[in-house]
C-alpha atoms as a PDB file:
ATOM      1  CA  UNK A   1    -181.811   9.350 -34.462  1.00  0.00           C
ATOM      2  CA  UNK A   2    -183.050   5.783 -34.606  1.00  0.00           C
ATOM      3  CA  UNK A   3    -181.918   2.843 -36.698  1.00  0.00           C
ATOM      4  CA  UNK A   4    -185.016   1.221 -38.205  1.00  0.00           C
ATOM      5  CA  UNK A   5    -185.112  -2.065 -40.078  1.00  0.00           C
ATOM      6  CA  UNK A   6    -187.691  -2.372 -42.846  1.00  0.00           C
ATOM      7  CA  UNK A   7    -188.172  -5.944 -44.082  1.00  0.00           C
ATOM      8  CA  UNK A   8    -189.780  -6.351 -47.472  1.00  0.00           C
ATOM      9  CA  UNK A   9    -192.293  -9.149 -48.016  1.00  0.00           C
ATOM     10  CA  UNK A  10    -189.577 -11.119 -49.852  1.00  0.00           C
ATOM     11  CA  UNK A  11    -187.232 -10.885 -46.843  1.00  0.00           C
ATOM     12  CA  UNK A  12    -184.947  -8.121 -48.126  1.00  0.00           C
ATOM     13  CA  UNK A  13    -183.850  -5.916 -45.213  1.00  0.00           C
ATOM     14  CA  UNK A  14    -183.202  -2.188 -45.315  1.00  0.00           C
ATOM     15  CA  UNK A  15    -181.541  -0.716 -42.226  1.00  0.00           C
ATOM     16  CA  UNK A  16    -182.000   3.047 -42.204  1.00  0.00           C
ATOM     17  CA  UNK A  17    -181.044   5.872 -39.850  1.00  0.00           C
ATOM     18  CA  UNK A  18    -184.137   8.038 -39.362  1.00  0.00           C
ATOM     19  CA  UNK A  19    -183.959  11.446 -37.686  1.00  0.00           C
ATOM     20  CA  UNK A  20    -186.051  12.139 -34.614  1.00  0.00           C
ATOM     21  CA  UNK A  21    -189.283  13.934 -35.439  1.00  0.00           C
ATOM     22  CA  UNK A  22    -189.762  12.211 -38.781  1.00  0.00           C
ATOM     23  CA  UNK A  23    -192.180   9.316 -39.117  1.00  0.00           C
ATOM     24  CA  UNK A  24    -191.333   5.715 -39.872  1.00  0.00           C
ATOM     25  CA  UNK A  25    -193.044   6.279 -43.251  1.00  0.00           C
ATOM     26  CA  UNK A  26    -190.856   9.300 -44.028  1.00  0.00           C
ATOM     27  CA  UNK A  27    -187.772   7.265 -43.201  1.00  0.00           C
ATOM     28  CA  UNK A  28    -188.797   4.651 -45.769  1.00  0.00           C
ATOM     29  CA  UNK A  29    -189.820   7.203 -48.382  1.00  0.00           C
ATOM     30  CA  UNK A  30    -186.671   9.313 -48.007  1.00  0.00           C
ATOM     31  CA  UNK A  31    -184.463   6.230 -48.335  1.00  0.00           C
ATOM     32  CA  UNK A  32    -186.299   4.634 -51.263  1.00  0.00           C
ATOM     33  CA  UNK A  33    -187.433   1.580 -49.317  1.00  0.00           C
ATOM     34  CA  UNK A  34    -189.818  -0.316 -51.600  1.00  0.00           C
ATOM     35  CA  UNK A  35    -193.125  -1.455 -50.165  1.00  0.00           C
ATOM     36  CA  UNK A  36    -194.349   1.770 -48.577  1.00  0.00           C
ATOM     37  CA  UNK A  37    -196.259   3.843 -51.126  1.00  0.00           C
ATOM     38  CA  UNK A  38    -197.415   6.704 -48.860  1.00  0.00           C
ATOM     39  CA  UNK A  39    -199.989   7.932 -51.381  1.00  0.00           C
ATOM     40  CA  UNK A  40    -201.496  10.540 -49.028  1.00  0.00           C
ATOM     41  CA  UNK A  41    -198.109  11.855 -47.920  1.00  0.00           C
ATOM     42  CA  UNK A  42    -198.669  11.071 -44.260  1.00  0.00           C
ATOM     43  CA  UNK A  43    -202.113  12.578 -43.678  1.00  0.00           C
ATOM     44  CA  UNK A  44    -203.588   9.307 -42.357  1.00  0.00           C
ATOM     45  CA  UNK A  45    -206.009   9.383 -45.302  1.00  0.00           C
ATOM     46  CA  UNK A  46    -205.060   6.059 -46.893  1.00  0.00           C
ATOM     47  CA  UNK A  47    -203.481   2.781 -45.854  1.00  0.00           C
ATOM     48  CA  UNK A  48    -200.549   2.630 -48.266  1.00  0.00           C
ATOM     49  CA  UNK A  49    -197.897   2.930 -45.555  1.00  0.00           C
ATOM     50  CA  UNK A  50    -199.193  -0.103 -43.690  1.00  0.00           C
ATOM     51  CA  UNK A  51    -196.607  -2.307 -41.962  1.00  0.00           C
ATOM     52  CA  UNK A  52    -196.474  -5.008 -39.311  1.00  0.00           C
ATOM     53  CA  UNK A  53    -194.547  -4.010 -36.200  1.00  0.00           C
ATOM     54  CA  UNK A  54    -192.262  -6.795 -34.983  1.00  0.00           C
ATOM     55  CA  UNK A  55    -193.843  -8.576 -31.984  1.00  0.00           C
ATOM     56  CA  UNK A  56    -191.154  -7.406 -29.550  1.00  0.00           C
ATOM     57  CA  UNK A  57    -191.904  -3.768 -30.506  1.00  0.00           C
ATOM     58  CA  UNK A  58    -195.702  -3.752 -30.378  1.00  0.00           C
ATOM     59  CA  UNK A  59    -195.846  -2.481 -26.790  1.00  0.00           C
ATOM     60  CA  UNK A  60    -192.993  -0.004 -27.323  1.00  0.00           C
ATOM     61  CA  UNK A  61    -194.440   2.093 -30.157  1.00  0.00           C
ATOM     62  CA  UNK A  62    -196.826   4.932 -29.279  1.00  0.00           C
ATOM     63  CA  UNK A  63    -200.482   3.985 -28.943  1.00  0.00           C
ATOM     64  CA  UNK A  64    -202.733   4.053 -31.984  1.00  0.00           C
ATOM     65  CA  UNK A  65    -205.363   6.774 -32.289  1.00  0.00           C
ATOM     66  CA  UNK A  66    -208.906   6.187 -33.567  1.00  0.00           C
ATOM     67  CA  UNK A  67    -208.309   7.669 -37.041  1.00  0.00           C
ATOM     68  CA  UNK A  68    -205.408   5.276 -37.683  1.00  0.00           C
ATOM     69  CA  UNK A  69    -207.451   2.347 -36.431  1.00  0.00           C
ATOM     70  CA  UNK A  70    -210.249   3.272 -38.863  1.00  0.00           C
ATOM     71  CA  UNK A  71    -207.852   3.557 -41.826  1.00  0.00           C
ATOM     72  CA  UNK A  72    -206.344   0.141 -41.110  1.00  0.00           C
ATOM     73  CA  UNK A  73    -209.695  -1.350 -42.142  1.00  0.00           C
ATOM     74  CA  UNK A  74    -208.609  -0.523 -45.715  1.00  0.00           C
ATOM     75  CA  UNK A  75    -205.130  -2.070 -45.460  1.00  0.00           C
ATOM     76  CA  UNK A  76    -204.126  -5.319 -47.144  1.00  0.00           C
ATOM     77  CA  UNK A  77    -204.415  -8.198 -44.667  1.00  0.00           C
ATOM     78  CA  UNK A  78    -204.263  -6.153 -41.444  1.00  0.00           C
ATOM     79  CA  UNK A  79    -203.199  -7.925 -38.275  1.00  0.00           C
ATOM     80  CA  UNK A  80    -205.114  -6.542 -35.268  1.00  0.00           C
ATOM     81  CA  UNK A  81    -202.109  -7.093 -33.002  1.00  0.00           C
ATOM     82  CA  UNK A  82    -199.276  -5.812 -35.223  1.00  0.00           C
ATOM     83  CA  UNK A  83    -200.576  -3.597 -38.043  1.00  0.00           C
ATOM     84  CA  UNK A  84    -199.782   0.103 -37.994  1.00  0.00           C
ATOM     85  CA  UNK A  85    -199.738   2.976 -40.420  1.00  0.00           C
ATOM     86  CA  UNK A  86    -196.111   4.061 -40.444  1.00  0.00           C
ATOM     87  CA  UNK A  87    -197.089   7.689 -41.065  1.00  0.00           C
ATOM     88  CA  UNK A  88    -198.487   7.732 -37.535  1.00  0.00           C
ATOM     89  CA  UNK A  89    -195.338   6.518 -35.746  1.00  0.00           C
ATOM     90  CA  UNK A  90    -193.043   9.437 -34.862  1.00  0.00           C
ATOM     91  CA  UNK A  91    -189.386   8.503 -34.555  1.00  0.00           C
ATOM     92  CA  UNK A  92    -187.614   9.086 -31.237  1.00  0.00           C
ATOM     93  CA  UNK A  93    -184.482   7.649 -29.680  1.00  0.00           C
ATOM     94  CA  UNK A  94    -186.767   5.142 -27.933  1.00  0.00           C
ATOM     95  CA  UNK A  95    -187.472   3.526 -31.311  1.00  0.00           C
ATOM     96  CA  UNK A  96    -183.806   2.772 -32.042  1.00  0.00           C
ATOM     97  CA  UNK A  97    -183.775  -0.811 -33.339  1.00  0.00           C
ATOM     98  CA  UNK A  98    -187.437  -0.860 -34.437  1.00  0.00           C
ATOM     99  CA  UNK A  99    -188.254  -3.587 -36.947  1.00  0.00           C
ATOM    100  CA  UNK A 100    -191.240  -3.409 -39.296  1.00  0.00           C
ATOM    101  CA  UNK A 101    -192.318  -6.006 -41.845  1.00  0.00           C
ATOM    102  CA  UNK A 102    -193.931  -4.788 -45.030  1.00  0.00           C
ATOM    103  CA  UNK A 103    -197.017  -6.477 -46.451  1.00  0.00           C
ATOM    104  CA  UNK A 104    -197.111  -8.285 -49.782  1.00  0.00           C
ATOM    105  CA  UNK A 105    -198.778  -5.232 -51.316  1.00  0.00           C
ATOM    106  CA  UNK A 106    -200.365  -1.908 -50.433  1.00  0.00           C
ATOM    107  CA  UNK A 107    -203.956  -1.087 -51.357  1.00  0.00           C
END
């Protein structure tokens, strides 16, 4: 299990315990964290679970695959260095303490 901090665009923090094997998106969805819509349910077919990984975590999360990179083109104000689709980040003990910032809106 990993403790993940989701920070809304307005600065509100949500610290959530997320079970290993779930995704960062599922952790937000299952705990009613506002700011992650997850319209496609985690199929990497939209960009509504977009978040910015905290700078100190960018190198620690699993590498992005091509499909995720393509979908980020549709995200609101993507940051090439920090943007990720949270449905593509599987939770492990190694992600304990992960911090993600949520964008102003999802599109």
